[in-house]
PDB file of N, CA and C in Angstrom:
ATOM      1  N   UNK A   1     143.971-106.550   8.078  1.00  0.00           N
ATOM      2  CA  UNK A   1     145.309-106.373   9.236  1.00  0.00           C
ATOM      3  C   UNK A   1     145.366-107.383   9.271  1.00  0.00           C
ATOM      4  N   UNK A   2     147.066-107.049   9.876  1.00  0.00           N
ATOM      5  CA  UNK A   2     148.162-108.973   9.716  1.00  0.00           C
ATOM      6  C   UNK A   2     148.165-109.065  11.803  1.00  0.00           C
ATOM      7  N   UNK A   3     148.199-109.626  11.821  1.00  0.00           N
ATOM      8  CA  UNK A   3     147.898-109.628  13.295  1.00  0.00           C
ATOM      9  C   UNK A   3     149.947-111.416  13.808  1.00  0.00           C
ATOM     10  N   UNK A   4     149.754-111.774  14.961  1.00  0.00           N
ATOM     11  CA  UNK A   4     150.502-112.827  14.824  1.00  0.00           C
ATOM     12  C   UNK A   4     150.064-113.469  15.401  1.00  0.00           C
ATOM     13  N   UNK A   5     149.643-115.353  15.141  1.00  0.00           N
ATOM     14  CA  UNK A   5     148.844-115.851  16.513  1.00  0.00           C
ATOM     15  C   UNK A   5     150.080-116.956  16.922  1.00  0.00           C
ATOM     16  N   UNK A   6     149.886-118.133  17.479  1.00  0.00           N
ATOM     17  CA  UNK A   6     151.159-118.736  18.258  1.00  0.00           C
ATOM     18  C   UNK A   6     149.670-119.803  18.340  1.00  0.00           C
ATOM     19  N   UNK A   7     149.707-121.276  17.221  1.00  0.00           N
ATOM     20  CA  UNK A   7     148.640-122.166  17.382  1.00  0.00           C
ATOM     21  C   UNK A   7     149.291-122.992  17.635  1.00  0.00           C
ATOM     22  N   UNK A   8     148.728-124.318  18.314  1.00  0.00           N
ATOM     23  CA  UNK A   8     149.059-126.056  18.380  1.00  0.00           C
ATOM     24  C   UNK A   8     149.281-126.188  16.836  1.00  0.00           C
ATOM     25  N   UNK A   9     150.576-126.644  16.693  1.00  0.00           N
ATOM     26  CA  UNK A   9     150.567-127.906  15.090  1.00  0.00           C
ATOM     27  C   UNK A   9     150.035-128.076  14.303  1.00  0.00           C
ATOM     28  N   UNK A  10     149.301-128.827  15.579  1.00  0.00           N
ATOM     29  CA  UNK A  10     148.110-129.998  14.677  1.00  0.00           C
ATOM     30  C   UNK A  10     147.103-130.007  14.664  1.00  0.00           C
ATOM     31  N   UNK A  11     146.869-128.313  15.880  1.00  0.00           N
ATOM     32  CA  UNK A  11     145.223-127.970  15.024  1.00  0.00           C
ATOM     33  C   UNK A  11     145.696-126.775  13.587  1.00  0.00           C
ATOM     34  N   UNK A  12     147.020-126.207  13.910  1.00  0.00           N
ATOM     35  CA  UNK A  12     146.943-125.249  12.530  1.00  0.00           C
ATOM     36  C   UNK A  12     147.077-126.303  11.528  1.00  0.00           C
ATOM     37  N   UNK A  13     148.147-127.432  11.564  1.00  0.00           N
ATOM     38  CA  UNK A  13     147.929-128.657  10.513  1.00  0.00           C
ATOM     39  C   UNK A  13     146.045-129.071  10.099  1.00  0.00           C
ATOM     40  N   UNK A  14     145.447-129.184  11.047  1.00  0.00           N
ATOM     41  CA  UNK A  14     144.097-129.520  10.292  1.00  0.00           C
ATOM     42  C   UNK A  14     143.413-128.374  10.181  1.00  0.00           C
ATOM     43  N   UNK A  15     143.496-127.467  10.482  1.00  0.00           N
ATOM     44  CA  UNK A  15     142.642-126.195   9.511  1.00  0.00           C
ATOM     45  C   UNK A  15     143.710-126.001   8.124  1.00  0.00           C
ATOM     46  N   UNK A  16     145.104-126.229   8.224  1.00  0.00           N
ATOM     47  CA  UNK A  16     145.390-126.100   6.813  1.00  0.00           C
ATOM     48  C   UNK A  16     144.732-126.478   5.587  1.00  0.00           C
ATOM     49  N   UNK A  17     144.491-128.376   6.171  1.00  0.00           N
ATOM     50  CA  UNK A  17     144.071-129.359   5.284  1.00  0.00           C
ATOM     51  C   UNK A  17     142.736-129.066   5.095  1.00  0.00           C
ATOM     52  N   UNK A  18     142.174-128.192   5.873  1.00  0.00           N
ATOM     53  CA  UNK A  18     140.624-128.284   5.805  1.00  0.00           C
ATOM     54  C   UNK A  18     140.722-127.357   4.644  1.00  0.00           C
ATOM     55  N   UNK A  19     141.246-126.065   4.816  1.00  0.00           N
ATOM     56  CA  UNK A  19     141.448-124.891   4.316  1.00  0.00           C
ATOM     57  C   UNK A  19     141.689-125.482   2.549  1.00  0.00           C
ATOM     58  N   UNK A  20     142.445-126.325   2.236  1.00  0.00           N
ATOM     59  CA  UNK A  20     142.827-127.016   0.988  1.00  0.00           C
ATOM     60  C   UNK A  20     141.854-127.588   0.279  1.00  0.00           C
ATOM     61  N   UNK A  21     141.036-128.197   1.477  1.00  0.00           N
ATOM     62  CA  UNK A  21     139.760-129.263   0.941  1.00  0.00           C
ATOM     63  C   UNK A  21     138.808-128.124   0.345  1.00  0.00           C
ATOM     64  N   UNK A  22     138.603-127.187   0.978  1.00  0.00           N
ATOM     65  CA  UNK A  22     137.730-126.965   0.768  1.00  0.00           C
ATOM     66  C   UNK A  22     137.900-125.348  -0.590  1.00  0.00           C
ATOM     67  N   UNK A  23     139.321-125.358  -0.559  1.00  0.00           N
ATOM     68  CA  UNK A  23     140.005-124.485  -2.139  1.00  0.00           C
ATOM     69  C   UNK A  23     139.863-123.128  -1.178  1.00  0.00           C
ATOM     70  N   UNK A  24     140.070-122.868   0.195  1.00  0.00           N
ATOM     71  CA  UNK A  24     139.658-121.309   0.428  1.00  0.00           C
ATOM     72  C   UNK A  24     141.375-121.158   1.140  1.00  0.00           C
ATOM     73  N   UNK A  25     141.630-120.168   1.125  1.00  0.00           N
ATOM     74  CA  UNK A  25     143.369-119.588   2.009  1.00  0.00           C
ATOM     75  C   UNK A  25     142.677-119.459   3.460  1.00  0.00           C
ATOM     76  N   UNK A  26     143.888-120.218   4.445  1.00  0.00           N
ATOM     77  CA  UNK A  26     143.994-120.259   5.801  1.00  0.00           C
ATOM     78  C   UNK A  26     143.535-119.446   5.971  1.00  0.00           C
ATOM     79  N   UNK A  27     143.463-117.721   5.869  1.00  0.00           N
ATOM     80  CA  UNK A  27     142.846-116.925   6.071  1.00  0.00           C
ATOM     81  C   UNK A  27     141.725-116.518   6.518  1.00  0.00           C
ATOM     82  N   UNK A  28     141.392-117.727   5.261  1.00  0.00           N
ATOM     83  CA  UNK A  28     139.395-117.225   5.169  1.00  0.00           C
ATOM     84  C   UNK A  28     139.386-117.890   5.877  1.00  0.00           C
ATOM     85  N   UNK A  29     139.661-118.932   6.203  1.00  0.00           N
ATOM     86  CA  UNK A  29     139.397-120.572   6.886  1.00  0.00           C
ATOM     87  C   UNK A  29     139.151-120.159   8.325  1.00  0.00           C
ATOM     88  N   UNK A  30     139.527-119.520   8.917  1.00  0.00           N
ATOM     89  CA  UNK A  30     140.495-118.993  10.083  1.00  0.00           C
ATOM     90  C   UNK A  30     139.586-117.797  10.445  1.00  0.00           C
ATOM     91  N   UNK A  31     139.187-116.718   9.807  1.00  0.00           N
ATOM     92  CA  UNK A  31     138.122-115.421   9.841  1.00  0.00           C
ATOM     93  C   UNK A  31     136.460-116.608   9.486  1.00  0.00           C
ATOM     94  N   UNK A  32     136.644-117.181   8.866  1.00  0.00           N
ATOM     95  CA  UNK A  32     135.449-117.987   8.785  1.00  0.00           C
ATOM     96  C   UNK A  32     135.015-118.567  10.725  1.00  0.00           C
ATOM     97  N   UNK A  33     136.218-119.143  10.732  1.00  0.00           N
ATOM     98  CA  UNK A  33     136.190-119.654  12.187  1.00  0.00           C
ATOM     99  C   UNK A  33     135.728-119.106  13.278  1.00  0.00           C
ATOM    100  N   UNK A  34     136.753-117.634  13.030  1.00  0.00           N
ATOM    101  CA  UNK A  34     135.944-116.899  14.086  1.00  0.00           C
ATOM    102  C   UNK A  34     134.671-116.353  14.373  1.00  0.00           C
ATOM    103  N   UNK A  35     133.968-116.301  12.576  1.00  0.00           N
ATOM    104  CA  UNK A  35     132.708-115.446  12.496  1.00  0.00           C
ATOM    105  C   UNK A  35     131.636-116.238  13.091  1.00  0.00           C
ATOM    106  N   UNK A  36     131.749-117.390  13.094  1.00  0.00           N
ATOM    107  CA  UNK A  36     131.439-118.185  13.542  1.00  0.00           C
ATOM    108  C   UNK A  36     131.242-118.868  15.607  1.00  0.00           C
ATOM    109  N   UNK A  37     132.006-118.857  15.659  1.00  0.00           N
ATOM    110  CA  UNK A  37     132.417-118.609  17.055  1.00  0.00           C
ATOM    111  C   UNK A  37     131.963-117.402  17.913  1.00  0.00           C
ATOM    112  N   UNK A  38     132.107-116.464  16.986  1.00  0.00           N
ATOM    113  CA  UNK A  38     131.489-114.648  18.085  1.00  0.00           C
ATOM    114  C   UNK A  38     130.106-115.359  17.673  1.00  0.00           C
ATOM    115  N   UNK A  39     129.869-115.705  16.576  1.00  0.00           N
ATOM    116  CA  UNK A  39     128.829-114.966  16.708  1.00  0.00           C
ATOM    117  C   UNK A  39     127.229-116.199  17.503  1.00  0.00           C
ATOM    118  N   UNK A  40     127.567-117.581  17.986  1.00  0.00           N
ATOM    119  CA  UNK A  40     127.254-118.569  18.946  1.00  0.00           C
ATOM    120  C   UNK A  40     127.128-117.138  20.573  1.00  0.00           C
ATOM    121  N   UNK A  41     128.528-116.758  20.119  1.00  0.00           N
ATOM    122  CA  UNK A  41     128.812-115.444  22.143  1.00  0.00           C
ATOM    123  C   UNK A  41     127.817-114.775  21.929  1.00  0.00           C
ATOM    124  N   UNK A  42     127.248-114.361  20.758  1.00  0.00           N
ATOM    125  CA  UNK A  42     126.666-112.977  20.653  1.00  0.00           C
ATOM    126  C   UNK A  42     125.207-112.868  21.339  1.00  0.00           C
ATOM    127  N   UNK A  43     124.809-114.541  19.710  1.00  0.00           N
ATOM    128  CA  UNK A  43     123.094-114.726  20.022  1.00  0.00           C
ATOM    129  C   UNK A  43     122.699-115.976  21.647  1.00  0.00           C
ATOM    130  N   UNK A  44     123.405-115.770  21.787  1.00  0.00           N
ATOM    131  CA  UNK A  44     123.418-117.049  23.065  1.00  0.00           C
ATOM    132  C   UNK A  44     123.435-118.254  22.315  1.00  0.00           C
ATOM    133  N   UNK A  45     122.822-118.974  21.543  1.00  0.00           N
ATOM    134  CA  UNK A  45     122.578-119.989  21.099  1.00  0.00           C
ATOM    135  C   UNK A  45     123.396-120.574  19.582  1.00  0.00           C
ATOM    136  N   UNK A  46     123.650-121.974  19.409  1.00  0.00           N
ATOM    137  CA  UNK A  46     124.512-121.667  17.781  1.00  0.00           C
ATOM    138  C   UNK A  46     123.094-121.665  16.463  1.00  0.00           C
ATOM    139  N   UNK A  47     124.337-121.823  15.679  1.00  0.00           N
ATOM    140  CA  UNK A  47     122.580-121.291  14.323  1.00  0.00           C
ATOM    141  C   UNK A  47     122.246-122.690  14.327  1.00  0.00           C
ATOM    142  N   UNK A  48     121.522-122.740  13.042  1.00  0.00           N
ATOM    143  CA  UNK A  48     120.391-123.470  12.872  1.00  0.00           C
ATOM    144  C   UNK A  48     120.973-124.513  12.234  1.00  0.00           C
ATOM    145  N   UNK A  49     120.647-125.504  12.393  1.00  0.00           N
ATOM    146  CA  UNK A  49     121.906-126.820  11.956  1.00  0.00           C
ATOM    147  C   UNK A  49     120.934-128.114  11.542  1.00  0.00           C
ATOM    148  N   UNK A  50     120.269-127.835   9.950  1.00  0.00           N
ATOM    149  CA  UNK A  50     118.648-129.012   9.638  1.00  0.00           C
ATOM    150  C   UNK A  50     119.338-130.279   9.474  1.00  0.00           C
ATOM    151  N   UNK A  51     119.159-131.572  10.750  1.00  0.00           N
ATOM    152  CA  UNK A  51     119.392-132.722  10.852  1.00  0.00           C
ATOM    153  C   UNK A  51     117.932-133.601  10.069  1.00  0.00           C
ATOM    154  N   UNK A  52     118.318-134.295   8.677  1.00  0.00           N
ATOM    155  CA  UNK A  52     117.783-135.256   8.405  1.00  0.00           C
ATOM    156  C   UNK A  52     117.794-136.595   9.219  1.00  0.00           C
ATOM    157  N   UNK A  53     116.938-137.063   8.906  1.00  0.00           N
ATOM    158  CA  UNK A  53     116.497-138.272   9.610  1.00  0.00           C
ATOM    159  C   UNK A  53     116.373-139.175   8.353  1.00  0.00           C
ATOM    160  N   UNK A  54     117.020-140.581   8.487  1.00  0.00           N
ATOM    161  CA  UNK A  54     117.477-141.554   7.057  1.00  0.00           C
ATOM    162  C   UNK A  54     116.351-142.781   8.327  1.00  0.00           C
ATOM    163  N   UNK A  55     115.132-143.104   7.246  1.00  0.00           N
ATOM    164  CA  UNK A  55     114.913-144.373   7.429  1.00  0.00           C
ATOM    165  C   UNK A  55     115.230-145.349   6.518  1.00  0.00           C
ATOM    166  N   UNK A  56     115.602-146.920   7.294  1.00  0.00           N
ATOM    167  CA  UNK A  56     114.978-147.693   6.350  1.00  0.00           C
ATOM    168  C   UNK A  56     114.228-148.067   6.698  1.00  0.00           C
ATOM    169  N   UNK A  57     113.743-149.016   5.830  1.00  0.00           N
ATOM    170  CA  UNK A  57     112.706-150.643   4.840  1.00  0.00           C
ATOM    171  C   UNK A  57     112.519-151.410   4.963  1.00  0.00           C
ATOM    172  N   UNK A  58     111.512-151.394   5.327  1.00  0.00           N
ATOM    173  CA  UNK A  58     111.908-153.576   5.637  1.00  0.00           C
ATOM    174  C   UNK A  58     110.941-154.406   4.380  1.00  0.00           C
ATOM    175  N   UNK A  59     110.498-153.569   3.528  1.00  0.00           N
ATOM    176  CA  UNK A  59     109.030-154.103   2.734  1.00  0.00           C
ATOM    177  C   UNK A  59     110.135-154.142   1.249  1.00  0.00           C
ATOM    178  N   UNK A  60     109.136-155.110   0.531  1.00  0.00           N
ATOM    179  CA  UNK A  60     109.700-154.626  -0.778  1.00  0.00           C
ATOM    180  C   UNK A  60     109.128-153.953  -1.809  1.00  0.00           C
ATOM    181  N   UNK A  61     109.211-152.835  -2.699  1.00  0.00           N
ATOM    182  CA  UNK A  61     108.540-152.427  -3.543  1.00  0.00           C
ATOM    183  C   UNK A  61     107.565-152.502  -3.617  1.00  0.00           C
ATOM    184  N   UNK A  62     106.585-151.542  -4.037  1.00  0.00           N
ATOM    185  CA  UNK A  62     105.254-151.729  -4.362  1.00  0.00           C
ATOM    186  C   UNK A  62     104.537-151.964  -6.066  1.00  0.00           C
ATOM    187  N   UNK A  63     105.452-151.292  -6.352  1.00  0.00           N
ATOM    188  CA  UNK A  63     106.015-151.215  -7.856  1.00  0.00           C
ATOM    189  C   UNK A  63     106.906-152.023  -8.492  1.00  0.00           C
ATOM    190  N   UNK A  64     107.130-152.380  -9.896  1.00  0.00           N
ATOM    191  CA  UNK A  64     107.665-152.716 -11.108  1.00  0.00           C
ATOM    192  C   UNK A  64     108.791-151.732 -11.124  1.00  0.00           C
ATOM    193  N   UNK A  65     109.929-151.191 -10.896  1.00  0.00           N
ATOM    194  CA  UNK A  65     110.577-150.136 -11.689  1.00  0.00           C
ATOM    195  C   UNK A  65     110.632-150.169 -12.851  1.00  0.00           C
ATOM    196  N   UNK A  66     111.163-151.305 -13.341  1.00  0.00           N
ATOM    197  CA  UNK A  66     111.127-151.007 -15.023  1.00  0.00           C
ATOM    198  C   UNK A  66     109.613-150.862 -15.940  1.00  0.00           C
ATOM    199  N   UNK A  67     108.645-151.110 -15.379  1.00  0.00           N
ATOM    200  CA  UNK A  67     107.021-150.683 -15.961  1.00  0.00           C
ATOM    201  C   UNK A  67     106.394-149.300 -15.803  1.00  0.00           C
ATOM    202  N   UNK A  68     107.256-148.757 -16.378  1.00  0.00           N
ATOM    203  CA  UNK A  68     106.938-147.248 -16.368  1.00  0.00           C
ATOM    204  C   UNK A  68     105.765-146.842 -16.645  1.00  0.00           C
ATOM    205  N   UNK A  69     104.755-147.644 -16.589  1.00  0.00           N
ATOM    206  CA  UNK A  69     103.206-147.097 -16.659  1.00  0.00           C
ATOM    207  C   UNK A  69     103.020-147.074 -15.395  1.00  0.00           C
ATOM    208  N   UNK A  70     103.513-148.825 -15.285  1.00  0.00           N
ATOM    209  CA  UNK A  70     103.240-148.913 -13.388  1.00  0.00           C
ATOM    210  C   UNK A  70     103.767-147.464 -12.078  1.00  0.00           C
ATOM    211  N   UNK A  71     105.077-147.718 -12.545  1.00  0.00           N
ATOM    212  CA  UNK A  71     105.419-146.024 -11.809  1.00  0.00           C
ATOM    213  C   UNK A  71     104.977-144.508 -12.143  1.00  0.00           C
ATOM    214  N   UNK A  72     104.580-144.499 -12.942  1.00  0.00           N
ATOM    215  CA  UNK A  72     103.698-143.318 -12.531  1.00  0.00           C
ATOM    216  C   UNK A  72     102.464-143.692 -12.531  1.00  0.00           C
ATOM    217  N   UNK A  73     101.696-144.301 -12.946  1.00  0.00           N
ATOM    218  CA  UNK A  73     100.624-143.976 -11.907  1.00  0.00           C
ATOM    219  C   UNK A  73     100.661-144.183 -10.464  1.00  0.00           C
ATOM    220  N   UNK A  74     101.821-144.778 -10.133  1.00  0.00           N
ATOM    221  CA  UNK A  74     102.156-144.709  -8.110  1.00  0.00           C
ATOM    222  C   UNK A  74     102.271-143.321  -7.570  1.00  0.00           C
ATOM    223  N   UNK A  75     103.225-142.925  -9.240  1.00  0.00           N
ATOM    224  CA  UNK A  75     103.262-142.008  -8.571  1.00  0.00           C
ATOM    225  C   UNK A  75     102.475-140.297  -8.601  1.00  0.00           C
ATOM    226  N   UNK A  76     101.431-140.576  -9.402  1.00  0.00           N
ATOM    227  CA  UNK A  76     100.003-139.559  -9.972  1.00  0.00           C
ATOM    228  C   UNK A  76      99.242-139.870  -8.149  1.00  0.00           C
ATOM    229  N   UNK A  77      99.617-141.371  -7.822  1.00  0.00           N
ATOM    230  CA  UNK A  77      98.156-141.665  -6.949  1.00  0.00           C
ATOM    231  C   UNK A  77      98.941-140.492  -5.257  1.00  0.00           C
ATOM    232  N   UNK A  78     100.349-140.739  -4.970  1.00  0.00           N
ATOM    233  CA  UNK A  78     101.182-139.932  -4.455  1.00  0.00           C
ATOM    234  C   UNK A  78     100.446-138.612  -3.588  1.00  0.00           C
TER     235      UNK A  78
END
């Protein structure tokens, strides 16, 4: 179905750029955005989004990774 929309120039530029980076048409991008927004409204809660936590350690490694046998010993113990 064809339709006409009046969009803010900046929003349209961002949408076109994002669609181009994702390798999809602007039509597909807008359809996906509408589906996502309608799904939230219908279900009452946003879709699940996995957030991975990054932890940085401050201990030196406990194995010399250039020693293959020592590395395999540590892996086998895990």
